[in-house]
Amino acid sequence: MLKITHLSTEDISGGAARAAARLHAGLLRIGHDSRMVVAHRSSDDPAVSTLTRAASPYKSMVRAIERSRIQRGFLPYVKSRPAGSDMFSDDRSDYAADLPDGISPSDVMNLHWVAGFVDYARFFAIYGKSVPVIWTLHDMNVFTGGCHYDEGCGKFTAACGACPQLGSTDQNDLSRKIWSRKTKTFERLDATDLSIVADSKWLASEASRSSLLRKFPITSIPYGLDTETFSPRNRPDVRGALGIPLDASVIMFAAEVMTIKRKGLPTLVDALRAMAATANLLLLSVGRRMPDLPASIPHRYFGHVNSDVFLSLLYSAADVFVIPSIQEAFGQTALEAMACGTPVIGSAVGGIPEIVADNVTGYLVPPSSPEALRHAIVKLLSDPEKRAEMSANCRRVVLEGHTLEAQARSYEGVYRKMVRTDQKSGRNSGHA
């Protein structure tokens, strides 16, 4: 049995947080002592705790000063950032002084999505040489100058600077400064001090191209799901409970934040606008910040949903799930839909083709092409037999390779390799 501590900004709020929590659950299932330490806790999992923050006036002042420094760095770009931009995160955190508190000794530390929580320099100054560290990449942020997706920029292979997502033309802008600080942190580590796990082969490939992470071992392990929670539900019952007509042609779209341009909602809207004549068409959407949609597109908006059970009902109510992203590391929503037996139409970008097998579990289309997306949707909606075949394939693919146990076993192999390396180096990871 290994003792594993996961660090994540959230425990279940957001796709990356849910992925971390699912890995944690899978490790518990196969007998490991797994716990999560987070900045913001939303679940009632007894193995999840928030990081202890000392209430002393001195530490409160230190936090306030660091928070002010970070905020000042972003001020010059408040007006210049393009509309619809994704998140942009600093490598520093006002949690820096609190980091050692509340984290008991472990065999392995597993970092996840830790923006605004883990201070890079502080964390590796404490743990980089004393305990094996695995960092699970859920997006590109760890190896960029602040963006979470580079949108094809490619500057992370060098030194960032003049960042398009900041609306900047200055080579020494915030992205270059963040990149420089990250460089100093990672340069202090040996190649055996940190192991990188990406959620897709595409993301692993991008990480290996980066100037920041290329010296560390990098592998890919896909996400796993609780296939009892995410499972096909009786469609007539689900639609009846949700008030959705049984004869409706239901298309589902989900995104943590629907207005982020990278998620491709405008492409889907354009495709559906051209399908106005389709009988009983209905769009189901899940996520924050619903934009105004044309009145010609019948629409049911369910807001932000944290419940996996309710998500499984929504997926089961849909005839097809659409993920029209411009860039995507993995596409966890596509996997969730497939587990519920719902075929997926996705952009052929990032990690999506690693989940969606064209003409087997759905269709792949070029990104930003409403016409190609419309054609694929019409093709699938008009062929009930093909949908049924794809539905069975979707469920089979998830059961064969994307269970919680399968994911946990793969991570177990990485953990044990890191622990053995740590023991050979003579370091004490704190737990036998």
Protein backbone atom coordinates (compact mmCIF):
# COMPACT_ATOMS: atom_id res chain seq x y z
CA MET A 1 0.00 0.00 0.00
CA LEU A 2 1.25 3.47 -0.93
CA LYS A 3 0.42 6.68 0.86
CA ILE A 4 -0.44 9.28 -1.79
CA THR A 5 -1.27 12.94 -1.34
CA HIS A 6 -2.97 14.79 -4.19
CA LEU A 7 -2.81 18.58 -4.36
CA SER A 8 -5.55 20.30 -6.34
CA THR A 9 -7.05 23.79 -6.24
CA GLU A 10 -10.56 22.29 -6.09
CA ASP A 11 -11.83 18.82 -5.28
CA ILE A 12 -14.88 18.49 -7.55
CA SER A 13 -15.55 21.92 -9.06
CA GLY A 14 -14.25 21.93 -12.63
CA GLY A 15 -13.26 19.18 -15.03
CA ALA A 16 -9.64 18.89 -13.87
CA ALA A 17 -10.72 18.75 -10.22
CA ARG A 18 -13.24 16.01 -10.94
CA ALA A 19 -10.56 14.08 -12.82
CA ALA A 20 -8.23 14.34 -9.81
CA ALA A 21 -11.01 13.22 -7.46
CA ARG A 22 -11.77 10.25 -9.69
CA LEU A 23 -8.14 9.13 -9.67
CA HIS A 24 -8.16 9.49 -5.88
CA ALA A 25 -11.31 7.32 -5.71
CA GLY A 26 -9.76 4.71 -8.00
CA LEU A 27 -6.63 4.48 -5.86
CA LEU A 28 -8.77 3.94 -2.77
CA ARG A 29 -10.61 1.16 -4.59
CA ILE A 30 -7.41 -0.76 -5.29
CA GLY A 31 -6.24 -0.46 -1.69
CA HIS A 32 -3.97 2.58 -1.46
CA ASP A 33 -4.04 5.28 1.21
CA SER A 34 -5.03 8.25 -0.92
CA ARG A 35 -6.01 11.70 0.27
CA MET A 36 -6.53 15.12 -1.31
CA VAL A 37 -5.42 18.50 0.02
CA VAL A 38 -7.18 21.39 -1.69
CA ALA A 39 -7.66 25.13 -1.49
CA HIS A 40 -11.45 24.91 -1.88
CA ARG A 41 -13.45 21.87 -0.74
CA SER A 42 -16.95 21.18 -2.04
CA SER A 43 -17.37 17.45 -1.45
CA ASP A 44 -18.07 15.52 1.75
CA ASP A 45 -15.25 13.05 1.12
CA PRO A 46 -13.54 12.49 4.51
CA ALA A 47 -10.22 11.93 2.72
CA VAL A 48 -10.31 15.48 1.32
CA SER A 49 -9.10 18.39 3.45
CA THR A 50 -8.42 22.07 2.90
CA LEU A 51 -4.89 23.29 3.42
CA THR A 52 -4.42 24.66 6.91
CA ARG A 53 -3.80 28.41 6.91
CA ALA A 54 -2.27 29.92 10.04
CA ALA A 55 -4.35 32.78 11.42
CA SER A 56 -1.39 34.83 12.69
CA PRO A 57 -1.32 38.56 11.81
CA TYR A 58 2.15 38.11 10.31
CA LYS A 59 1.10 35.37 7.88
CA SER A 60 -2.05 37.28 6.97
CA MET A 61 0.14 40.25 6.06
CA VAL A 62 2.50 38.06 4.01
CA ARG A 63 -0.48 36.64 2.09
CA ALA A 64 -1.89 40.11 1.42
CA ILE A 65 1.46 41.36 0.09
CA GLU A 66 1.91 38.37 -2.22
CA ARG A 67 -1.68 38.60 -3.44
CA SER A 68 -1.15 42.29 -4.26
CA ARG A 69 2.07 41.53 -6.16
CA ILE A 70 0.34 38.92 -8.30
CA GLN A 71 -2.63 41.17 -9.04
CA ARG A 72 -0.36 44.06 -10.04
CA GLY A 73 1.29 41.81 -12.61
CA PHE A 74 -2.05 41.29 -14.37
CA LEU A 75 -3.23 44.92 -14.30
CA PRO A 76 -1.55 46.07 -17.56
CA TYR A 77 -3.48 43.42 -19.52
CA VAL A 78 -7.01 43.82 -18.18
CA LYS A 79 -8.14 45.83 -21.21
CA SER A 80 -5.89 44.24 -23.84
CA ARG A 81 -6.91 40.60 -23.41
CA PRO A 82 -9.02 39.36 -26.35
CA ALA A 83 -12.68 38.56 -25.69
CA GLY A 84 -13.41 34.91 -25.00
CA SER A 85 -9.88 34.20 -23.77
CA ASP A 86 -9.29 31.20 -21.54
CA MET A 87 -7.73 31.44 -18.07
CA PHE A 88 -4.24 32.86 -17.54
CA SER A 89 -2.48 31.87 -14.32
CA ASP A 90 0.60 32.95 -12.39
CA ASP A 91 3.16 30.52 -10.99
CA ARG A 92 3.01 32.29 -7.62
CA SER A 93 0.38 31.93 -4.93
CA ASP A 94 -0.57 33.63 -1.68
CA TYR A 95 -0.67 30.11 -0.19
CA ALA A 96 3.14 29.95 -0.41
CA ALA A 97 3.76 30.51 3.30
CA ASP A 98 1.05 27.97 4.26
CA LEU A 99 2.25 25.10 2.10
CA PRO A 100 4.04 22.93 4.71
CA ASP A 101 1.05 23.01 7.07
CA GLY A 102 -1.62 20.35 6.82
CA ILE A 103 0.33 18.01 4.53
CA SER A 104 1.40 14.84 6.33
CA PRO A 105 4.36 12.73 5.11
CA SER A 106 3.60 10.63 2.04
CA ASP A 107 5.28 8.14 -0.24
CA VAL A 108 4.25 10.21 -3.25
CA MET A 109 2.98 13.73 -3.91
CA ASN A 110 0.69 14.06 -6.94
CA LEU A 111 0.11 17.59 -8.19
CA HIS A 112 -2.92 18.23 -10.38
CA TRP A 113 -4.51 21.51 -11.54
CA VAL A 114 -3.09 23.83 -8.88
CA ALA A 115 -3.39 27.33 -10.36
CA GLY A 116 -3.74 29.94 -7.60
CA PHE A 117 -2.93 27.30 -4.98
CA VAL A 118 0.58 25.86 -5.27
CA ASP A 119 3.46 28.30 -5.49
CA TYR A 120 5.97 26.61 -7.80
CA ALA A 121 9.19 27.92 -6.22
CA ARG A 122 8.01 27.35 -2.65
CA PHE A 123 6.64 23.87 -3.29
CA PHE A 124 9.76 22.50 -4.95
CA ALA A 125 12.03 24.18 -2.41
CA ILE A 126 10.28 22.06 0.26
CA TYR A 127 9.40 18.84 -1.55
CA GLY A 128 11.49 18.68 -4.73
CA LYS A 129 14.34 16.71 -3.18
CA SER A 130 12.58 15.02 -0.28
CA VAL A 131 9.67 13.08 -1.76
CA PRO A 132 8.79 11.71 -5.23
CA VAL A 133 6.57 14.17 -7.12
CA ILE A 134 4.26 13.33 -10.01
CA TRP A 135 2.51 16.15 -11.81
CA THR A 136 -0.67 15.29 -13.71
CA LEU A 137 -1.20 17.71 -16.59
CA HIS A 138 -4.86 18.49 -17.25
CA ASP A 139 -4.01 21.30 -19.68
CA MET A 140 -0.90 23.16 -20.91
CA ASN A 141 -0.48 25.65 -18.05
CA VAL A 142 2.44 23.97 -16.28
CA PHE A 143 4.70 24.40 -19.31
CA THR A 144 3.58 27.81 -20.60
CA GLY A 145 4.05 31.40 -19.52
CA GLY A 146 0.54 31.46 -18.04
CA CYS A 147 -2.01 30.35 -20.62
CA HIS A 148 -3.84 27.07 -20.13
CA TYR A 149 -4.14 26.46 -23.86
CA ASP A 150 -1.79 28.16 -26.31
CA GLU A 151 -4.36 28.22 -29.18
CA GLY A 152 -1.59 27.28 -31.61
CA CYS A 153 0.83 30.02 -30.52
CA GLY A 154 3.70 27.59 -29.91
CA LYS A 155 5.85 30.04 -27.94
CA PHE A 156 6.04 27.60 -25.00
CA THR A 157 8.73 25.74 -26.98
CA ALA A 158 11.05 28.72 -26.44
CA ALA A 159 10.54 31.45 -23.84
CA CYS A 160 7.03 32.89 -24.30
CA GLY A 161 6.76 36.70 -24.38
CA ALA A 162 4.63 39.03 -26.55
CA CYS A 163 1.70 36.82 -25.56
CA PRO A 164 -1.33 36.88 -27.88
CA GLN A 165 -3.64 35.95 -25.02
CA LEU A 166 -2.51 39.01 -23.08
CA GLY A 167 -2.90 41.18 -26.15
CA SER A 168 0.79 41.99 -25.68
CA THR A 169 3.59 42.90 -28.11
CA ASP A 170 6.18 43.23 -25.35
CA GLN A 171 8.74 40.40 -25.35
CA ASN A 172 9.34 40.94 -21.63
CA ASP A 173 5.67 40.83 -20.66
CA LEU A 174 4.03 38.83 -17.87
CA SER A 175 4.21 35.58 -19.85
CA ARG A 176 8.00 35.89 -20.19
CA LYS A 177 8.36 36.69 -16.48
CA ILE A 178 6.26 33.69 -15.47
CA TRP A 179 8.19 31.48 -17.89
CA SER A 180 11.51 32.74 -16.44
CA ARG A 181 10.44 31.99 -12.86
CA LYS A 182 9.26 28.52 -13.84
CA THR A 183 12.57 27.93 -15.60
CA LYS A 184 14.52 28.74 -12.43
CA THR A 185 12.32 26.38 -10.43
CA PHE A 186 12.64 23.43 -12.83
CA GLU A 187 16.36 23.98 -13.41
CA ARG A 188 16.98 23.24 -9.73
CA LEU A 189 15.46 19.77 -10.12
CA ASP A 190 17.19 16.66 -11.40
CA ALA A 191 15.42 14.70 -14.12
CA THR A 192 14.52 12.04 -11.53
CA ASP A 193 12.91 14.49 -9.09
CA LEU A 194 9.71 14.95 -11.10
CA SER A 195 7.63 12.70 -13.33
CA ILE A 196 5.01 14.13 -15.69
CA VAL A 197 1.75 12.35 -16.51
CA ALA A 198 -0.46 13.85 -19.21
CA ASP A 199 -4.10 12.95 -19.72
CA SER A 200 -3.57 12.31 -23.46
CA LYS A 201 -0.80 11.40 -25.88
CA TRP A 202 -1.31 14.78 -27.55
CA LEU A 203 -0.70 16.67 -24.30
CA ALA A 204 2.32 14.49 -23.51
CA SER A 205 3.73 15.32 -26.93
CA GLU A 206 3.23 19.04 -26.37
CA ALA A 207 4.88 18.81 -22.94
CA SER A 208 7.89 17.06 -24.47
CA ARG A 209 8.24 19.96 -26.93
CA SER A 210 8.23 22.52 -24.13
CA SER A 211 11.38 24.26 -22.98
CA LEU A 212 10.31 23.79 -19.36
CA LEU A 213 9.50 20.08 -19.05
CA ARG A 214 11.38 18.27 -21.79
CA LYS A 215 14.10 16.95 -19.43
CA PHE A 216 11.63 15.08 -17.22
CA PRO A 217 10.08 11.67 -17.95
CA ILE A 218 6.68 12.19 -19.56
CA THR A 219 3.98 9.59 -20.08
CA SER A 220 0.26 9.61 -20.81
CA ILE A 221 -2.51 7.94 -18.84
CA PRO A 222 -6.11 8.57 -19.94
CA TYR A 223 -8.86 9.42 -17.51
CA GLY A 224 -11.05 6.81 -15.89
CA LEU A 225 -14.69 6.94 -14.83
CA ASP A 226 -17.00 5.27 -12.35
CA THR A 227 -18.83 3.20 -14.94
CA GLU A 228 -21.69 2.46 -12.57
CA THR A 229 -22.47 6.15 -12.13
CA PHE A 230 -21.80 6.97 -15.78
CA SER A 231 -23.93 4.31 -17.42
CA PRO A 232 -26.81 4.21 -19.91
CA ARG A 233 -30.16 5.11 -18.33
CA ASN A 234 -33.62 4.30 -19.62
CA ARG A 235 -34.20 7.06 -22.15
CA PRO A 236 -38.01 7.26 -21.96
CA ASP A 237 -37.85 7.50 -18.17
CA VAL A 238 -35.07 10.12 -18.22
CA ARG A 239 -36.75 12.26 -20.86
CA GLY A 240 -40.03 12.01 -19.02
CA ALA A 241 -38.40 13.17 -15.79
CA LEU A 242 -36.68 16.06 -17.57
CA GLY A 243 -39.75 17.07 -19.56
CA ILE A 244 -38.10 16.30 -22.90
CA PRO A 245 -40.34 14.91 -25.68
CA LEU A 246 -39.51 11.30 -26.49
CA ASP A 247 -39.46 12.03 -30.23
CA ALA A 248 -37.09 15.01 -29.93
CA SER A 249 -33.72 14.98 -31.73
CA VAL A 250 -31.54 15.93 -28.76
CA ILE A 251 -28.03 17.32 -29.08
CA MET A 252 -25.97 17.98 -25.95
CA PHE A 253 -23.11 20.41 -25.38
CA ALA A 254 -21.17 20.86 -22.13
CA ALA A 255 -18.31 23.12 -21.07
CA GLU A 256 -17.10 24.45 -17.74
CA VAL A 257 -17.42 27.98 -19.14
CA MET A 258 -19.53 28.09 -22.29
CA THR A 259 -18.32 31.49 -23.51
CA ILE A 260 -14.64 30.51 -23.85
CA LYS A 261 -14.03 30.59 -27.59
CA ARG A 262 -11.79 27.49 -27.44
CA LYS A 263 -14.84 25.34 -26.63
CA GLY A 264 -16.33 26.05 -30.06
CA LEU A 265 -19.94 26.85 -29.14
CA PRO A 266 -20.27 29.41 -31.98
CA THR A 267 -19.44 26.65 -34.46
CA LEU A 268 -22.22 24.47 -33.02
CA VAL A 269 -24.67 27.39 -33.04
CA ASP A 270 -23.92 28.07 -36.71
CA ALA A 271 -24.40 24.38 -37.52
CA LEU A 272 -27.74 24.24 -35.69
CA ARG A 273 -28.93 27.48 -37.22
CA ALA A 274 -28.62 25.80 -40.60
CA MET A 275 -30.77 22.93 -39.27
CA ALA A 276 -33.75 25.10 -38.35
CA ALA A 277 -36.04 22.96 -40.50
CA THR A 278 -35.17 19.78 -38.59
CA ALA A 279 -38.25 18.54 -36.78
CA ASN A 280 -38.19 18.44 -32.96
CA LEU A 281 -34.58 19.61 -32.70
CA LEU A 282 -33.48 20.39 -29.12
CA LEU A 283 -30.15 21.52 -27.68
CA LEU A 284 -29.27 20.62 -24.09
CA SER A 285 -26.41 22.63 -22.59
CA VAL A 286 -24.45 22.45 -19.33
CA GLY A 287 -21.95 24.97 -18.01
CA ARG A 288 -21.40 28.45 -16.68
CA ARG A 289 -22.20 31.71 -18.50
CA MET A 290 -24.76 30.73 -21.08
CA PRO A 291 -24.60 33.12 -24.04
CA ASP A 292 -27.68 34.33 -25.89
CA LEU A 293 -28.65 31.83 -28.57
CA PRO A 294 -30.81 32.43 -31.64
CA ALA A 295 -34.53 31.97 -31.01
CA SER A 296 -34.60 29.51 -33.92
CA ILE A 297 -32.66 26.96 -31.84
CA PRO A 298 -34.86 25.24 -29.22
CA HIS A 299 -32.73 25.11 -26.10
CA ARG A 300 -32.75 23.76 -22.54
CA TYR A 301 -30.00 25.19 -20.33
CA PHE A 302 -29.17 23.31 -17.10
CA GLY A 303 -26.48 25.63 -15.74
CA HIS A 304 -23.43 24.42 -13.87
CA VAL A 305 -23.82 20.77 -12.80
CA ASN A 306 -21.53 19.14 -10.23
CA SER A 307 -23.56 15.96 -9.74
CA ASP A 308 -22.20 13.02 -11.75
CA VAL A 309 -25.53 11.22 -11.39
CA PHE A 310 -27.46 14.14 -12.88
CA LEU A 311 -24.86 14.49 -15.65
CA SER A 312 -25.36 10.82 -16.53
CA LEU A 313 -29.10 11.45 -16.86
CA LEU A 314 -28.50 14.36 -19.23
CA TYR A 315 -26.07 12.35 -21.37
CA SER A 316 -28.57 9.48 -21.50
CA ALA A 317 -31.31 11.85 -22.64
CA ALA A 318 -29.26 12.97 -25.66
CA ASP A 319 -29.10 11.34 -29.07
CA VAL A 320 -25.65 12.79 -29.70
CA PHE A 321 -23.03 14.69 -27.72
CA VAL A 322 -21.03 17.38 -29.51
CA ILE A 323 -17.57 18.63 -28.50
CA PRO A 324 -16.57 21.18 -31.19
CA SER A 325 -13.43 22.43 -29.42
CA ILE A 326 -10.68 24.32 -31.21
CA GLN A 327 -8.11 22.87 -28.80
CA GLU A 328 -8.67 20.22 -26.12
CA ALA A 329 -6.24 18.20 -24.01
CA PHE A 330 -8.50 15.21 -23.48
CA GLY A 331 -12.23 15.82 -23.66
CA GLN A 332 -13.51 14.31 -20.41
CA THR A 333 -17.11 15.20 -21.27
CA ALA A 334 -16.85 13.07 -24.41
CA LEU A 335 -15.74 10.12 -22.30
CA GLU A 336 -18.63 10.67 -19.87
CA ALA A 337 -21.11 10.73 -22.76
CA MET A 338 -19.66 7.55 -24.22
CA ALA A 339 -19.93 5.78 -20.86
CA CYS A 340 -23.64 6.58 -20.99
CA GLY A 341 -23.90 5.09 -24.47
CA THR A 342 -24.19 8.42 -26.28
CA PRO A 343 -22.26 8.76 -29.57
CA VAL A 344 -19.95 11.75 -29.86
CA ILE A 345 -19.22 14.17 -32.67
CA GLY A 346 -15.95 15.93 -31.94
CA SER A 347 -13.33 18.11 -33.52
CA ALA A 348 -10.28 16.21 -34.72
CA VAL A 349 -7.97 18.17 -32.41
CA GLY A 350 -5.83 17.52 -29.33
CA GLY A 351 -6.77 14.41 -27.38
CA ILE A 352 -10.30 14.06 -28.79
CA PRO A 353 -9.31 11.55 -31.54
CA GLU A 354 -7.80 9.37 -28.80
CA ILE A 355 -11.29 8.96 -27.34
CA VAL A 356 -13.63 9.26 -30.32
CA ALA A 357 -13.00 6.61 -32.98
CA ASP A 358 -14.37 7.95 -36.26
CA ASN A 359 -17.34 5.94 -37.53
CA VAL A 360 -17.09 3.63 -34.49
CA THR A 361 -18.04 5.69 -31.41
CA GLY A 362 -19.01 8.82 -33.33
CA TYR A 363 -17.63 11.13 -35.97
CA LEU A 364 -14.60 13.39 -36.13
CA VAL A 365 -14.87 16.69 -37.99
CA PRO A 366 -12.49 19.57 -38.75
CA PRO A 367 -12.54 22.31 -36.09
CA SER A 368 -14.34 25.60 -36.77
CA SER A 369 -16.35 24.10 -39.64
CA PRO A 370 -20.10 24.54 -39.07
CA GLU A 371 -20.88 22.82 -42.37
CA ALA A 372 -18.88 19.68 -41.52
CA LEU A 373 -20.41 19.61 -38.05
CA ARG A 374 -23.93 20.05 -39.40
CA HIS A 375 -23.39 17.25 -41.91
CA ALA A 376 -22.18 14.87 -39.17
CA ILE A 377 -25.10 15.72 -36.87
CA VAL A 378 -27.68 15.22 -39.63
CA LYS A 379 -26.03 11.96 -40.68
CA LEU A 380 -26.16 10.55 -37.15
CA LEU A 381 -29.66 11.78 -36.30
CA SER A 382 -31.06 10.29 -39.51
CA ASP A 383 -29.65 6.80 -38.90
CA PRO A 384 -31.10 5.16 -35.75
CA GLU A 385 -29.40 1.83 -36.50
CA LYS A 386 -25.96 3.49 -36.73
CA ARG A 387 -26.60 5.35 -33.49
CA ALA A 388 -27.50 2.10 -31.75
CA GLU A 389 -24.34 0.44 -33.05
CA MET A 390 -22.20 3.38 -31.96
CA SER A 391 -23.92 3.46 -28.57
CA ALA A 392 -22.89 -0.14 -27.88
CA ASN A 393 -19.35 0.61 -29.09
CA CYS A 394 -19.11 3.65 -26.82
CA ARG A 395 -19.99 1.68 -23.73
CA ARG A 396 -17.64 -1.15 -24.67
CA VAL A 397 -14.66 1.18 -25.26
CA VAL A 398 -15.09 2.83 -21.85
CA LEU A 399 -15.47 -0.48 -20.02
CA GLU A 400 -12.38 -1.89 -21.73
CA GLY A 401 -9.99 0.97 -21.11
CA HIS A 402 -11.36 3.82 -19.02
CA THR A 403 -12.48 2.47 -15.67
CA LEU A 404 -11.30 3.98 -12.38
CA GLU A 405 -9.43 0.79 -11.61
CA ALA A 406 -7.57 0.75 -14.94
CA GLN A 407 -6.46 4.34 -14.48
CA ALA A 408 -5.41 3.73 -10.88
CA ARG A 409 -3.33 0.68 -11.82
CA SER A 410 -1.49 2.70 -14.46
CA TYR A 411 -0.71 5.43 -11.92
CA GLU A 412 0.36 2.81 -9.41
CA GLY A 413 3.09 1.75 -11.83
CA VAL A 414 4.37 5.34 -12.12
CA TYR A 415 4.26 5.83 -8.35
CA ARG A 416 6.17 2.64 -7.59
CA LYS A 417 8.84 3.47 -10.14
CA MET A 418 9.32 6.91 -8.58
CA VAL A 419 9.44 5.44 -5.06
CA ARG A 420 12.10 2.91 -6.10
CA THR A 421 14.17 5.67 -7.69
CA ASP A 422 13.79 7.72 -4.52
CA GLN A 423 14.96 4.82 -2.35
CA LYS A 424 17.99 4.20 -4.57
CA SER A 425 18.99 7.84 -4.23
CA GLY A 426 18.97 7.47 -0.43
CA ARG A 427 16.28 10.06 0.14
CA ASN A 428 13.56 9.56 2.73
CA SER A 429 10.09 10.10 1.34
CA GLY A 430 8.62 10.11 4.83
CA HIS A 431 6.62 6.88 4.75
CA ALA A 432 7.75 3.32 4.22
